[in-house]
Amino acid sequence: MNTEWMARGKCQEVAPDIFFPSDGMGVLVAQKICAECPVSAACLEYALENHIDHGVWGGCSERERRRILRRRRVSQSVSVG
């Protein structure tokens, strides 16, 4: 996957540890930054495609990304079956 979009991310303007929070409030702070980011959709897809387990990517926490992947697997199995 092309990663040129990364240079345009709002995350470039803040410390990286903001996107690897230890609590729910930290997740909300990161998500707020992602909400204003022009490349959040590409960021989320990158995290999903590469099975990145930690941090906030594209405005989604680890738990939210697991849910998205689960829904996609279910959707694909329904459309195949």
PDB file of N, CA and C in Angstrom:
ATOM      1  N   MET A   1       0.845  -1.187   0.000  1.00  0.00           N
ATOM      2  CA  MET A   1       0.000   0.000   0.000  1.00  0.00           C
ATOM      3  C   MET A   1       0.883   1.240   0.000  1.00  0.00           C
ATOM      4  N   ASN A   2       0.495   2.208  -0.757  1.00  0.00           N
ATOM      5  CA  ASN A   2       1.182   3.493  -0.822  1.00  0.00           C
ATOM      6  C   ASN A   2       1.011   4.221   0.512  1.00  0.00           C
ATOM      7  N   THR A   3       2.094   4.761   1.045  1.00  0.00           N
ATOM      8  CA  THR A   3       2.031   5.442   2.345  1.00  0.00           C
ATOM      9  C   THR A   3       2.366   6.930   2.246  1.00  0.00           C
ATOM     10  N   GLU A   4       2.307   7.487   1.058  1.00  0.00           N
ATOM     11  CA  GLU A   4       2.592   8.918   0.892  1.00  0.00           C
ATOM     12  C   GLU A   4       1.617   9.784   1.688  1.00  0.00           C
ATOM     13  N   TRP A   5       0.416   9.300   1.920  1.00  0.00           N
ATOM     14  CA  TRP A   5      -0.607  10.028   2.666  1.00  0.00           C
ATOM     15  C   TRP A   5      -0.140  10.339   4.087  1.00  0.00           C
ATOM     16  N   MET A   6       0.750   9.520   4.632  1.00  0.00           N
ATOM     17  CA  MET A   6       1.190   9.700   6.016  1.00  0.00           C
ATOM     18  C   MET A   6       1.789  11.085   6.273  1.00  0.00           C
ATOM     19  N   ALA A   7       2.451  11.637   5.297  1.00  0.00           N
ATOM     20  CA  ALA A   7       3.090  12.950   5.448  1.00  0.00           C
ATOM     21  C   ALA A   7       2.059  14.064   5.618  1.00  0.00           C
ATOM     22  N   ARG A   8       0.810  13.819   5.223  1.00  0.00           N
ATOM     23  CA  ARG A   8      -0.241  14.832   5.319  1.00  0.00           C
ATOM     24  C   ARG A   8      -1.110  14.670   6.565  1.00  0.00           C
ATOM     25  N   GLY A   9      -0.794  13.699   7.402  1.00  0.00           N
ATOM     26  CA  GLY A   9      -1.602  13.430   8.583  1.00  0.00           C
ATOM     27  C   GLY A   9      -1.445  14.475   9.673  1.00  0.00           C
ATOM     28  N   LYS A  10      -2.528  14.751  10.375  1.00  0.00           N
ATOM     29  CA  LYS A  10      -2.492  15.676  11.520  1.00  0.00           C
ATOM     30  C   LYS A  10      -1.568  15.137  12.607  1.00  0.00           C
ATOM     31  N   CYS A  11      -1.346  13.848  12.617  1.00  0.00           N
ATOM     32  CA  CYS A  11      -0.490  13.237  13.635  1.00  0.00           C
ATOM     33  C   CYS A  11       0.953  13.737  13.529  1.00  0.00           C
ATOM     34  N   GLN A  12       1.319  14.283  12.382  1.00  0.00           N
ATOM     35  CA  GLN A  12       2.665  14.813  12.206  1.00  0.00           C
ATOM     36  C   GLN A  12       2.896  16.064  13.054  1.00  0.00           C
ATOM     37  N   GLU A  13       1.803  16.653  13.530  1.00  0.00           N
ATOM     38  CA  GLU A  13       1.878  17.915  14.275  1.00  0.00           C
ATOM     39  C   GLU A  13       1.949  17.716  15.784  1.00  0.00           C
ATOM     40  N   VAL A  14       1.827  16.469  16.260  1.00  0.00           N
ATOM     41  CA  VAL A  14       1.807  16.206  17.699  1.00  0.00           C
ATOM     42  C   VAL A  14       2.735  15.044  18.045  1.00  0.00           C
ATOM     43  N   ALA A  15       2.975  14.865  19.311  1.00  0.00           N
ATOM     44  CA  ALA A  15       3.840  13.771  19.766  1.00  0.00           C
ATOM     45  C   ALA A  15       3.186  12.417  19.466  1.00  0.00           C
ATOM     46  N   PRO A  16       3.955  11.464  18.977  1.00  0.00           N
ATOM     47  CA  PRO A  16       3.405  10.148  18.615  1.00  0.00           C
ATOM     48  C   PRO A  16       2.721   9.427  19.775  1.00  0.00           C
ATOM     49  N   ASP A  17       3.186   9.640  21.005  1.00  0.00           N
ATOM     50  CA  ASP A  17       2.603   8.909  22.123  1.00  0.00           C
ATOM     51  C   ASP A  17       1.138   9.260  22.374  1.00  0.00           C
ATOM     52  N   ILE A  18       0.678  10.369  21.814  1.00  0.00           N
ATOM     53  CA  ILE A  18      -0.747  10.727  21.926  1.00  0.00           C
ATOM     54  C   ILE A  18      -1.617   9.647  21.293  1.00  0.00           C
ATOM     55  N   PHE A  19      -1.108   8.983  20.275  1.00  0.00           N
ATOM     56  CA  PHE A  19      -1.889   7.985  19.552  1.00  0.00           C
ATOM     57  C   PHE A  19      -1.735   6.577  20.135  1.00  0.00           C
ATOM     58  N   PHE A  20      -1.026   6.494  21.252  1.00  0.00           N
ATOM     59  CA  PHE A  20      -0.865   5.228  21.956  1.00  0.00           C
ATOM     60  C   PHE A  20      -1.213   5.444  23.431  1.00  0.00           C
ATOM     61  N   PRO A  21      -2.480   5.828  23.685  1.00  0.00           N
ATOM     62  CA  PRO A  21      -2.910   6.190  25.037  1.00  0.00           C
ATOM     63  C   PRO A  21      -3.049   4.978  25.950  1.00  0.00           C
ATOM     64  N   SER A  22      -3.034   5.260  27.239  1.00  0.00           N
ATOM     65  CA  SER A  22      -3.182   4.189  28.223  1.00  0.00           C
ATOM     66  C   SER A  22      -4.580   4.162  28.843  1.00  0.00           C
ATOM     67  N   ASP A  23      -5.428   5.109  28.445  1.00  0.00           N
ATOM     68  CA  ASP A  23      -6.778   5.129  29.002  1.00  0.00           C
ATOM     69  C   ASP A  23      -7.779   5.676  27.991  1.00  0.00           C
ATOM     70  N   GLY A  24      -9.050   5.599  28.368  1.00  0.00           N
ATOM     71  CA  GLY A  24     -10.120   6.040  27.478  1.00  0.00           C
ATOM     72  C   GLY A  24     -10.079   7.515  27.155  1.00  0.00           C
ATOM     73  N   MET A  25      -9.677   8.335  28.114  1.00  0.00           N
ATOM     74  CA  MET A  25      -9.585   9.775  27.854  1.00  0.00           C
ATOM     75  C   MET A  25      -8.514  10.053  26.803  1.00  0.00           C
ATOM     76  N   GLY A  26      -7.428   9.325  26.869  1.00  0.00           N
ATOM     77  CA  GLY A  26      -6.373   9.478  25.874  1.00  0.00           C
ATOM     78  C   GLY A  26      -6.841   9.103  24.479  1.00  0.00           C
ATOM     79  N   VAL A  27      -7.676   8.076  24.414  1.00  0.00           N
ATOM     80  CA  VAL A  27      -8.246   7.666  23.125  1.00  0.00           C
ATOM     81  C   VAL A  27      -9.091   8.797  22.560  1.00  0.00           C
ATOM     82  N   LEU A  28      -9.883   9.430  23.412  1.00  0.00           N
ATOM     83  CA  LEU A  28     -10.731  10.536  22.950  1.00  0.00           C
ATOM     84  C   LEU A  28      -9.907  11.706  22.427  1.00  0.00           C
ATOM     85  N   VAL A  29      -8.793  11.992  23.076  1.00  0.00           N
ATOM     86  CA  VAL A  29      -7.909  13.072  22.617  1.00  0.00           C
ATOM     87  C   VAL A  29      -7.383  12.745  21.227  1.00  0.00           C
ATOM     88  N   ALA A  30      -6.908  11.523  21.041  1.00  0.00           N
ATOM     89  CA  ALA A  30      -6.385  11.108  19.739  1.00  0.00           C
ATOM     90  C   ALA A  30      -7.481  11.134  18.674  1.00  0.00           C
ATOM     91  N   GLN A  31      -8.663  10.657  19.031  1.00  0.00           N
ATOM     92  CA  GLN A  31      -9.766  10.629  18.072  1.00  0.00           C
ATOM     93  C   GLN A  31     -10.172  12.030  17.642  1.00  0.00           C
ATOM     94  N   LYS A  32     -10.054  12.978  18.541  1.00  0.00           N
ATOM     95  CA  LYS A  32     -10.377  14.364  18.205  1.00  0.00           C
ATOM     96  C   LYS A  32      -9.417  14.893  17.130  1.00  0.00           C
ATOM     97  N   ILE A  33      -8.154  14.544  17.255  1.00  0.00           N
ATOM     98  CA  ILE A  33      -7.155  14.951  16.259  1.00  0.00           C
ATOM     99  C   ILE A  33      -7.472  14.276  14.929  1.00  0.00           C
ATOM    100  N   CYS A  34      -7.769  12.991  14.982  1.00  0.00           N
ATOM    101  CA  CYS A  34      -8.079  12.238  13.761  1.00  0.00           C
ATOM    102  C   CYS A  34      -9.327  12.766  13.057  1.00  0.00           C
ATOM    103  N   ALA A  35     -10.277  13.274  13.829  1.00  0.00           N
ATOM    104  CA  ALA A  35     -11.537  13.769  13.256  1.00  0.00           C
ATOM    105  C   ALA A  35     -11.302  14.936  12.307  1.00  0.00           C
ATOM    106  N   GLU A  36     -10.224  15.663  12.510  1.00  0.00           N
ATOM    107  CA  GLU A  36      -9.909  16.812  11.657  1.00  0.00           C
ATOM    108  C   GLU A  36      -8.844  16.486  10.617  1.00  0.00           C
ATOM    109  N   CYS A  37      -8.462  15.238  10.528  1.00  0.00           N
ATOM    110  CA  CYS A  37      -7.366  14.840   9.639  1.00  0.00           C
ATOM    111  C   CYS A  37      -7.874  14.515   8.232  1.00  0.00           C
ATOM    112  N   PRO A  38      -7.210  15.053   7.214  1.00  0.00           N
ATOM    113  CA  PRO A  38      -7.644  14.799   5.839  1.00  0.00           C
ATOM    114  C   PRO A  38      -7.337  13.382   5.340  1.00  0.00           C
ATOM    115  N   VAL A  39      -6.506  12.642   6.057  1.00  0.00           N
ATOM    116  CA  VAL A  39      -6.134  11.305   5.591  1.00  0.00           C
ATOM    117  C   VAL A  39      -6.583  10.201   6.555  1.00  0.00           C
ATOM    118  N   SER A  40      -7.569  10.495   7.398  1.00  0.00           N
ATOM    119  CA  SER A  40      -7.981   9.506   8.396  1.00  0.00           C
ATOM    120  C   SER A  40      -8.522   8.217   7.763  1.00  0.00           C
ATOM    121  N   ALA A  41      -9.202   8.311   6.652  1.00  0.00           N
ATOM    122  CA  ALA A  41      -9.739   7.098   6.007  1.00  0.00           C
ATOM    123  C   ALA A  41      -8.603   6.202   5.513  1.00  0.00           C
ATOM    124  N   ALA A  42      -7.600   6.803   4.896  1.00  0.00           N
ATOM    125  CA  ALA A  42      -6.444   6.028   4.427  1.00  0.00           C
ATOM    126  C   ALA A  42      -5.688   5.436   5.609  1.00  0.00           C
ATOM    127  N   CYS A  43      -5.598   6.181   6.686  1.00  0.00           N
ATOM    128  CA  CYS A  43      -4.921   5.730   7.894  1.00  0.00           C
ATOM    129  C   CYS A  43      -5.627   4.512   8.489  1.00  0.00           C
ATOM    130  N   LEU A  44      -6.938   4.586   8.571  1.00  0.00           N
ATOM    131  CA  LEU A  44      -7.706   3.468   9.102  1.00  0.00           C
ATOM    132  C   LEU A  44      -7.534   2.234   8.225  1.00  0.00           C
ATOM    133  N   GLU A  45      -7.636   2.385   6.931  1.00  0.00           N
ATOM    134  CA  GLU A  45      -7.468   1.242   6.028  1.00  0.00           C
ATOM    135  C   GLU A  45      -6.079   0.635   6.148  1.00  0.00           C
ATOM    136  N   TYR A  46      -5.072   1.476   6.306  1.00  0.00           N
ATOM    137  CA  TYR A  46      -3.705   1.002   6.482  1.00  0.00           C
ATOM    138  C   TYR A  46      -3.617   0.122   7.730  1.00  0.00           C
ATOM    139  N   ALA A  47      -4.182   0.601   8.831  1.00  0.00           N
ATOM    140  CA  ALA A  47      -4.150  -0.162  10.084  1.00  0.00           C
ATOM    141  C   ALA A  47      -4.912  -1.478   9.950  1.00  0.00           C
ATOM    142  N   LEU A  48      -6.043  -1.447   9.269  1.00  0.00           N
ATOM    143  CA  LEU A  48      -6.833  -2.662   9.087  1.00  0.00           C
ATOM    144  C   LEU A  48      -6.111  -3.671   8.197  1.00  0.00           C
ATOM    145  N   GLU A  49      -5.587  -3.211   7.088  1.00  0.00           N
ATOM    146  CA  GLU A  49      -4.905  -4.099   6.145  1.00  0.00           C
ATOM    147  C   GLU A  49      -3.629  -4.698   6.723  1.00  0.00           C
ATOM    148  N   ASN A  50      -2.980  -3.964   7.619  1.00  0.00           N
ATOM    149  CA  ASN A  50      -1.724  -4.422   8.195  1.00  0.00           C
ATOM    150  C   ASN A  50      -1.894  -5.014   9.595  1.00  0.00           C
ATOM    151  N   HIS A  51      -3.134  -5.169  10.014  1.00  0.00           N
ATOM    152  CA  HIS A  51      -3.463  -5.775  11.311  1.00  0.00           C
ATOM    153  C   HIS A  51      -2.670  -5.145  12.449  1.00  0.00           C
ATOM    154  N   ILE A  52      -2.683  -3.821  12.492  1.00  0.00           N
ATOM    155  CA  ILE A  52      -1.998  -3.096  13.555  1.00  0.00           C
ATOM    156  C   ILE A  52      -2.863  -3.174  14.805  1.00  0.00           C
ATOM    157  N   ASP A  53      -2.275  -3.711  15.862  1.00  0.00           N
ATOM    158  CA  ASP A  53      -3.032  -3.993  17.076  1.00  0.00           C
ATOM    159  C   ASP A  53      -3.046  -2.864  18.096  1.00  0.00           C
ATOM    160  N   HIS A  54      -2.118  -1.940  18.021  1.00  0.00           N
ATOM    161  CA  HIS A  54      -1.990  -0.933  19.076  1.00  0.00           C
ATOM    162  C   HIS A  54      -2.193   0.475  18.551  1.00  0.00           C
ATOM    163  N   GLY A  55      -2.736   1.310  19.414  1.00  0.00           N
ATOM    164  CA  GLY A  55      -2.864   2.718  19.099  1.00  0.00           C
ATOM    165  C   GLY A  55      -4.163   3.093  18.408  1.00  0.00           C
ATOM    166  N   VAL A  56      -4.308   4.391  18.218  1.00  0.00           N
ATOM    167  CA  VAL A  56      -5.448   4.954  17.507  1.00  0.00           C
ATOM    168  C   VAL A  56      -4.987   5.250  16.086  1.00  0.00           C
ATOM    169  N   TRP A  57      -5.673   4.682  15.124  1.00  0.00           N
ATOM    170  CA  TRP A  57      -5.361   4.867  13.704  1.00  0.00           C
ATOM    171  C   TRP A  57      -6.653   5.231  12.994  1.00  0.00           C
ATOM    172  N   GLY A  58      -6.621   6.295  12.224  1.00  0.00           N
ATOM    173  CA  GLY A  58      -7.811   6.700  11.487  1.00  0.00           C
ATOM    174  C   GLY A  58      -8.996   6.985  12.383  1.00  0.00           C
ATOM    175  N   GLY A  59      -8.723   7.373  13.608  1.00  0.00           N
ATOM    176  CA  GLY A  59      -9.796   7.699  14.547  1.00  0.00           C
ATOM    177  C   GLY A  59     -10.400   6.511  15.254  1.00  0.00           C
ATOM    178  N   CYS A  60      -9.841   5.328  15.071  1.00  0.00           N
ATOM    179  CA  CYS A  60     -10.387   4.126  15.699  1.00  0.00           C
ATOM    180  C   CYS A  60      -9.386   3.496  16.669  1.00  0.00           C
ATOM    181  N   SER A  61      -9.908   3.087  17.804  1.00  0.00           N
ATOM    182  CA  SER A  61      -9.092   2.388  18.801  1.00  0.00           C
ATOM    183  C   SER A  61      -8.871   0.943  18.351  1.00  0.00           C
ATOM    184  N   GLU A  62      -8.059   0.232  19.114  1.00  0.00           N
ATOM    185  CA  GLU A  62      -7.813  -1.185  18.810  1.00  0.00           C
ATOM    186  C   GLU A  62      -9.132  -1.958  18.798  1.00  0.00           C
ATOM    187  N   ARG A  63      -9.950  -1.719  19.801  1.00  0.00           N
ATOM    188  CA  ARG A  63     -11.232  -2.428  19.922  1.00  0.00           C
ATOM    189  C   ARG A  63     -12.142  -2.128  18.727  1.00  0.00           C
ATOM    190  N   GLU A  64     -12.199  -0.864  18.342  1.00  0.00           N
ATOM    191  CA  GLU A  64     -13.044  -0.490  17.200  1.00  0.00           C
ATOM    192  C   GLU A  64     -12.552  -1.134  15.916  1.00  0.00           C
ATOM    193  N   ARG A  65     -11.241  -1.220  15.736  1.00  0.00           N
ATOM    194  CA  ARG A  65     -10.703  -1.864  14.532  1.00  0.00           C
ATOM    195  C   ARG A  65     -11.002  -3.357  14.526  1.00  0.00           C
ATOM    196  N   ARG A  66     -10.936  -4.000  15.677  1.00  0.00           N
ATOM    197  CA  ARG A  66     -11.285  -5.428  15.748  1.00  0.00           C
ATOM    198  C   ARG A  66     -12.743  -5.633  15.333  1.00  0.00           C
ATOM    199  N   ARG A  67     -13.617  -4.746  15.790  1.00  0.00           N
ATOM    200  CA  ARG A  67     -15.040  -4.849  15.413  1.00  0.00           C
ATOM    201  C   ARG A  67     -15.222  -4.689  13.907  1.00  0.00           C
ATOM    202  N   ILE A  68     -14.528  -3.729  13.323  1.00  0.00           N
ATOM    203  CA  ILE A  68     -14.625  -3.495  11.876  1.00  0.00           C
ATOM    204  C   ILE A  68     -14.169  -4.738  11.126  1.00  0.00           C
ATOM    205  N   LEU A  69     -13.033  -5.302  11.531  1.00  0.00           N
ATOM    206  CA  LEU A  69     -12.524  -6.501  10.857  1.00  0.00           C
ATOM    207  C   LEU A  69     -13.485  -7.670  11.007  1.00  0.00           C
ATOM    208  N   ARG A  70     -14.066  -7.815  12.185  1.00  0.00           N
ATOM    209  CA  ARG A  70     -15.032  -8.892  12.417  1.00  0.00           C
ATOM    210  C   ARG A  70     -16.246  -8.723  11.510  1.00  0.00           C
ATOM    211  N   ARG A  71     -16.766  -7.500  11.421  1.00  0.00           N
ATOM    212  CA  ARG A  71     -17.925  -7.241  10.546  1.00  0.00           C
ATOM    213  C   ARG A  71     -17.581  -7.534   9.085  1.00  0.00           C
ATOM    214  N   ARG A  72     -16.378  -7.165   8.684  1.00  0.00           N
ATOM    215  CA  ARG A  72     -15.974  -7.433   7.296  1.00  0.00           C
ATOM    216  C   ARG A  72     -15.888  -8.924   7.026  1.00  0.00           C
ATOM    217  N   ARG A  73     -15.351  -9.682   7.983  1.00  0.00           N
ATOM    218  CA  ARG A  73     -15.249 -11.134   7.796  1.00  0.00           C
ATOM    219  C   ARG A  73     -16.636 -11.752   7.693  1.00  0.00           C
ATOM    220  N   VAL A  74     -17.541 -11.327   8.557  1.00  0.00           N
ATOM    221  CA  VAL A  74     -18.906 -11.839   8.527  1.00  0.00           C
ATOM    222  C   VAL A  74     -19.581 -11.487   7.209  1.00  0.00           C
ATOM    223  N   SER A  75     -19.399 -10.246   6.789  1.00  0.00           N
ATOM    224  CA  SER A  75     -19.985  -9.785   5.543  1.00  0.00           C
ATOM    225  C   SER A  75     -19.456 -10.579   4.357  1.00  0.00           C
ATOM    226  N   GLN A  76     -18.161 -10.832   4.344  1.00  0.00           N
ATOM    227  CA  GLN A  76     -17.565 -11.596   3.246  1.00  0.00           C
ATOM    228  C   GLN A  76     -18.039 -13.043   3.256  1.00  0.00           C
ATOM    229  N   SER A  77     -18.174 -13.640   4.436  1.00  0.00           N
ATOM    230  CA  SER A  77     -18.630 -15.026   4.492  1.00  0.00           C
ATOM    231  C   SER A  77     -20.092 -15.160   4.069  1.00  0.00           C
ATOM    232  N   VAL A  78     -20.886 -14.145   4.355  1.00  0.00           N
ATOM    233  CA  VAL A  78     -22.293 -14.152   3.932  1.00  0.00           C
ATOM    234  C   VAL A  78     -22.385 -13.993   2.428  1.00  0.00           C
ATOM    235  N   SER A  79     -21.572 -13.116   1.859  1.00  0.00           N
ATOM    236  CA  SER A  79     -21.644 -12.901   0.413  1.00  0.00           C
ATOM    237  C   SER A  79     -21.048 -14.065  -0.376  1.00  0.00           C
ATOM    238  N   VAL A  80     -20.129 -14.818   0.218  1.00  0.00           N
ATOM    239  CA  VAL A  80     -19.534 -15.983  -0.439  1.00  0.00           C
ATOM    240  C   VAL A  80     -20.452 -17.196  -0.310  1.00  0.00           C
ATOM    241  N   GLY A  81     -21.063 -17.318   0.877  1.00  0.00           N
ATOM    242  CA  GLY A  81     -21.895 -18.487   1.181  1.00  0.00           C
ATOM    243  C   GLY A  81     -23.211 -18.369   0.577  1.00  0.00           C
TER     244      GLY A  81
END
